[in-house]
N, C-alpha and C. Protein backbone atom coordinates (compact mmCIF):
# COMPACT_ATOMS: atom_id res chain seq x y z
N MET A 1 100.21 179.42 -24.36
CA MET A 1 100.90 179.09 -25.59
C MET A 1 102.16 179.99 -25.66
N SER A 2 103.25 179.41 -26.20
CA SER A 2 104.47 180.14 -26.32
C SER A 2 104.43 181.07 -27.52
N LYS A 3 105.30 182.07 -27.46
CA LYS A 3 105.41 183.01 -28.56
C LYS A 3 106.65 182.67 -29.40
N ILE A 4 106.63 183.03 -30.67
CA ILE A 4 107.75 182.89 -31.59
C ILE A 4 107.97 184.21 -32.28
N THR A 5 109.23 184.61 -32.41
CA THR A 5 109.52 185.84 -33.12
C THR A 5 110.32 185.48 -34.39
N ILE A 6 109.86 185.98 -35.51
CA ILE A 6 110.48 185.72 -36.80
C ILE A 6 111.06 187.04 -37.35
N HIS A 7 112.35 187.01 -37.60
CA HIS A 7 113.05 188.17 -38.17
C HIS A 7 113.29 187.91 -39.65
N ASP A 8 112.68 188.70 -40.51
CA ASP A 8 112.96 188.63 -41.98
C ASP A 8 113.97 189.69 -42.32
N VAL A 9 115.20 189.30 -42.40
CA VAL A 9 116.29 190.26 -42.67
C VAL A 9 116.17 190.89 -44.02
N THR A 10 115.76 190.08 -45.01
CA THR A 10 115.60 190.62 -46.37
C THR A 10 114.55 191.76 -46.43
N ALA A 11 113.40 191.52 -45.80
CA ALA A 11 112.36 192.55 -45.81
C ALA A 11 112.50 193.56 -44.69
N GLY A 12 113.37 193.22 -43.72
CA GLY A 12 113.56 194.16 -42.61
C GLY A 12 112.38 194.22 -41.67
N THR A 13 111.68 193.08 -41.48
CA THR A 13 110.50 193.06 -40.63
C THR A 13 110.69 192.02 -39.52
N THR A 14 109.92 192.22 -38.48
CA THR A 14 109.91 191.29 -37.34
C THR A 14 108.44 191.03 -37.00
N GLN A 15 108.12 189.75 -36.83
CA GLN A 15 106.78 189.35 -36.51
C GLN A 15 106.82 188.42 -35.26
N THR A 16 105.99 188.75 -34.29
CA THR A 16 105.83 187.86 -33.10
C THR A 16 104.40 187.33 -33.12
N ARG A 17 104.32 186.03 -32.91
CA ARG A 17 103.02 185.37 -32.93
C ARG A 17 103.04 184.14 -31.98
N ASP A 18 101.84 183.61 -31.76
CA ASP A 18 101.76 182.34 -30.98
C ASP A 18 102.32 181.19 -31.83
N MET A 19 103.02 180.27 -31.12
CA MET A 19 103.51 179.11 -31.87
C MET A 19 102.36 178.22 -32.23
N THR A 20 102.51 177.46 -33.30
CA THR A 20 101.53 176.41 -33.56
C THR A 20 101.75 175.26 -32.60
N SER A 21 100.80 174.35 -32.49
CA SER A 21 101.01 173.23 -31.62
C SER A 21 102.18 172.34 -32.04
N ASP A 22 102.41 172.27 -33.39
CA ASP A 22 103.57 171.51 -33.89
C ASP A 22 104.89 172.18 -33.54
N GLU A 23 104.91 173.50 -33.64
CA GLU A 23 106.14 174.20 -33.28
C GLU A 23 106.47 174.07 -31.79
N GLU A 24 105.42 174.17 -30.98
CA GLU A 24 105.61 174.04 -29.56
C GLU A 24 106.09 172.62 -29.18
N ALA A 25 105.51 171.63 -29.82
CA ALA A 25 105.91 170.25 -29.57
C ALA A 25 107.35 170.03 -29.99
N GLN A 26 107.75 170.65 -31.09
CA GLN A 26 109.17 170.53 -31.54
C GLN A 26 110.09 171.20 -30.56
N LEU A 27 109.70 172.38 -30.02
CA LEU A 27 110.49 173.10 -29.02
C LEU A 27 110.66 172.21 -27.80
N VAL A 28 109.65 171.56 -27.33
CA VAL A 28 109.74 170.69 -26.15
C VAL A 28 110.63 169.51 -26.44
N ALA A 29 110.50 168.92 -27.60
CA ALA A 29 111.33 167.78 -28.01
C ALA A 29 112.80 168.16 -28.14
N ASP A 30 113.05 169.31 -28.72
CA ASP A 30 114.45 169.81 -28.83
C ASP A 30 115.07 170.06 -27.47
N ALA A 31 114.30 170.65 -26.59
CA ALA A 31 114.81 170.89 -25.19
C ALA A 31 115.13 169.62 -24.47
N ALA A 32 114.27 168.57 -24.64
CA ALA A 32 114.52 167.29 -24.02
C ALA A 32 115.81 166.65 -24.60
N GLU A 33 115.97 166.81 -25.92
CA GLU A 33 117.19 166.23 -26.53
C GLU A 33 118.41 166.92 -26.07
N ILE A 34 118.40 168.25 -25.94
CA ILE A 34 119.57 169.03 -25.50
C ILE A 34 119.88 168.59 -24.06
N LYS A 35 118.88 168.42 -23.22
CA LYS A 35 119.09 167.99 -21.81
C LYS A 35 119.73 166.60 -21.81
N ALA A 36 119.23 165.68 -22.63
CA ALA A 36 119.77 164.32 -22.65
C ALA A 36 121.22 164.32 -23.07
N ILE A 37 121.57 165.14 -24.07
CA ILE A 37 122.96 165.23 -24.52
C ILE A 37 123.84 165.77 -23.37
N GLY A 38 123.37 166.81 -22.69
CA GLY A 38 124.10 167.38 -21.56
C GLY A 38 124.28 166.37 -20.46
N ASP A 39 123.23 165.62 -20.12
CA ASP A 39 123.30 164.62 -19.06
C ASP A 39 124.28 163.51 -19.44
N ALA A 40 124.29 163.10 -20.70
CA ALA A 40 125.18 162.03 -21.17
C ALA A 40 126.64 162.53 -21.04
N TYR A 41 126.87 163.78 -21.42
CA TYR A 41 128.24 164.34 -21.33
C TYR A 41 128.72 164.37 -19.86
N ILE A 42 127.86 164.82 -18.97
CA ILE A 42 128.20 164.88 -17.54
C ILE A 42 128.48 163.45 -17.02
N ALA A 43 127.68 162.51 -17.40
CA ALA A 43 127.89 161.10 -16.96
C ALA A 43 129.22 160.56 -17.45
N LYS A 44 129.57 160.88 -18.72
CA LYS A 44 130.85 160.46 -19.26
C LYS A 44 132.01 161.07 -18.52
N GLN A 45 131.90 162.37 -18.23
CA GLN A 45 132.99 163.03 -17.50
C GLN A 45 133.12 162.44 -16.09
N ASN A 46 132.01 162.14 -15.46
CA ASN A 46 132.10 161.52 -14.11
C ASN A 46 132.72 160.14 -14.12
N LYS A 47 132.48 159.36 -15.16
CA LYS A 47 133.08 158.04 -15.34
C LYS A 47 134.59 158.18 -15.56
N LYS A 48 134.98 159.14 -16.37
CA LYS A 48 136.41 159.40 -16.60
C LYS A 48 137.11 159.74 -15.32
N LYS A 49 136.49 160.66 -14.55
CA LYS A 49 137.12 161.07 -13.28
C LYS A 49 137.20 159.89 -12.33
N SER A 50 136.15 159.06 -12.29
CA SER A 50 136.18 157.94 -11.38
C SER A 50 137.25 156.94 -11.77
N GLY A 51 137.42 156.69 -13.08
CA GLY A 51 138.49 155.80 -13.55
C GLY A 51 139.82 156.34 -13.26
N ARG A 52 140.00 157.65 -13.48
CA ARG A 52 141.31 158.31 -13.19
C ARG A 52 141.62 158.20 -11.70
N ASP A 53 140.62 158.44 -10.82
CA ASP A 53 140.84 158.35 -9.36
C ASP A 53 141.21 156.96 -8.96
N LYS A 54 140.61 155.93 -9.59
CA LYS A 54 140.90 154.57 -9.24
C LYS A 54 142.32 154.16 -9.63
N LEU A 55 142.76 154.68 -10.82
CA LEU A 55 144.17 154.39 -11.25
C LEU A 55 145.14 155.05 -10.30
N ILE A 56 144.84 156.27 -9.86
CA ILE A 56 145.71 156.96 -8.93
C ILE A 56 145.76 156.23 -7.57
N ALA A 57 144.57 155.69 -7.16
CA ALA A 57 144.50 154.96 -5.91
C ALA A 57 145.31 153.66 -5.97
N LEU A 58 145.48 153.10 -7.23
CA LEU A 58 146.27 151.92 -7.37
C LEU A 58 147.78 152.18 -7.41
N GLY A 59 148.15 153.46 -7.42
CA GLY A 59 149.52 153.81 -7.30
C GLY A 59 150.14 154.56 -8.49
N LEU A 60 149.37 154.76 -9.53
CA LEU A 60 149.87 155.54 -10.67
C LEU A 60 149.89 157.03 -10.30
N THR A 61 150.85 157.75 -10.87
CA THR A 61 150.87 159.17 -10.61
C THR A 61 149.90 159.85 -11.57
N SER A 62 149.56 161.07 -11.26
CA SER A 62 148.68 161.85 -12.13
C SER A 62 149.29 161.99 -13.51
N ASP A 63 150.61 162.17 -13.62
CA ASP A 63 151.26 162.27 -14.91
C ASP A 63 151.18 160.96 -15.69
N GLU A 64 151.29 159.84 -15.00
CA GLU A 64 151.22 158.54 -15.67
C GLU A 64 149.80 158.31 -16.23
N VAL A 65 148.78 158.66 -15.44
CA VAL A 65 147.40 158.51 -15.88
C VAL A 65 147.16 159.40 -17.10
N THR A 66 147.69 160.64 -17.04
CA THR A 66 147.51 161.55 -18.20
C THR A 66 148.24 161.01 -19.41
N ALA A 67 149.41 160.41 -19.22
CA ALA A 67 150.15 159.79 -20.34
C ALA A 67 149.37 158.62 -20.98
N LEU A 68 148.48 158.01 -20.23
CA LEU A 68 147.62 156.95 -20.80
C LEU A 68 146.49 157.56 -21.63
N GLY A 69 146.36 158.84 -21.57
CA GLY A 69 145.30 159.55 -22.32
C GLY A 69 144.04 159.71 -21.53
N ILE A 70 144.12 159.58 -20.25
CA ILE A 70 142.94 159.77 -19.39
C ILE A 70 143.05 161.10 -18.69
N SER A 71 142.24 162.04 -19.14
CA SER A 71 142.23 163.34 -18.47
C SER A 71 140.83 163.65 -18.00
N THR A 72 140.67 164.68 -17.25
CA THR A 72 139.35 165.05 -16.69
C THR A 72 138.60 165.94 -17.61
N ASN A 73 139.16 166.35 -18.74
CA ASN A 73 138.41 167.27 -19.65
C ASN A 73 138.15 166.64 -20.95
């Protein structure tokens, strides 16, 4: 079981305890969501780069592609 640390700034105390099953399930769900968001971002960046590369292969210059609003960042 995972541990959770709770800092009570008002009281100036810190408590470490085992997570409840609900807290642990939420932690796992949050981690999966963060990974999915990261994976989607990487996929979008890869598609943008691919599109940019294809336009350059068709004869546009890098400056022209950038002027169209297509950048790699």
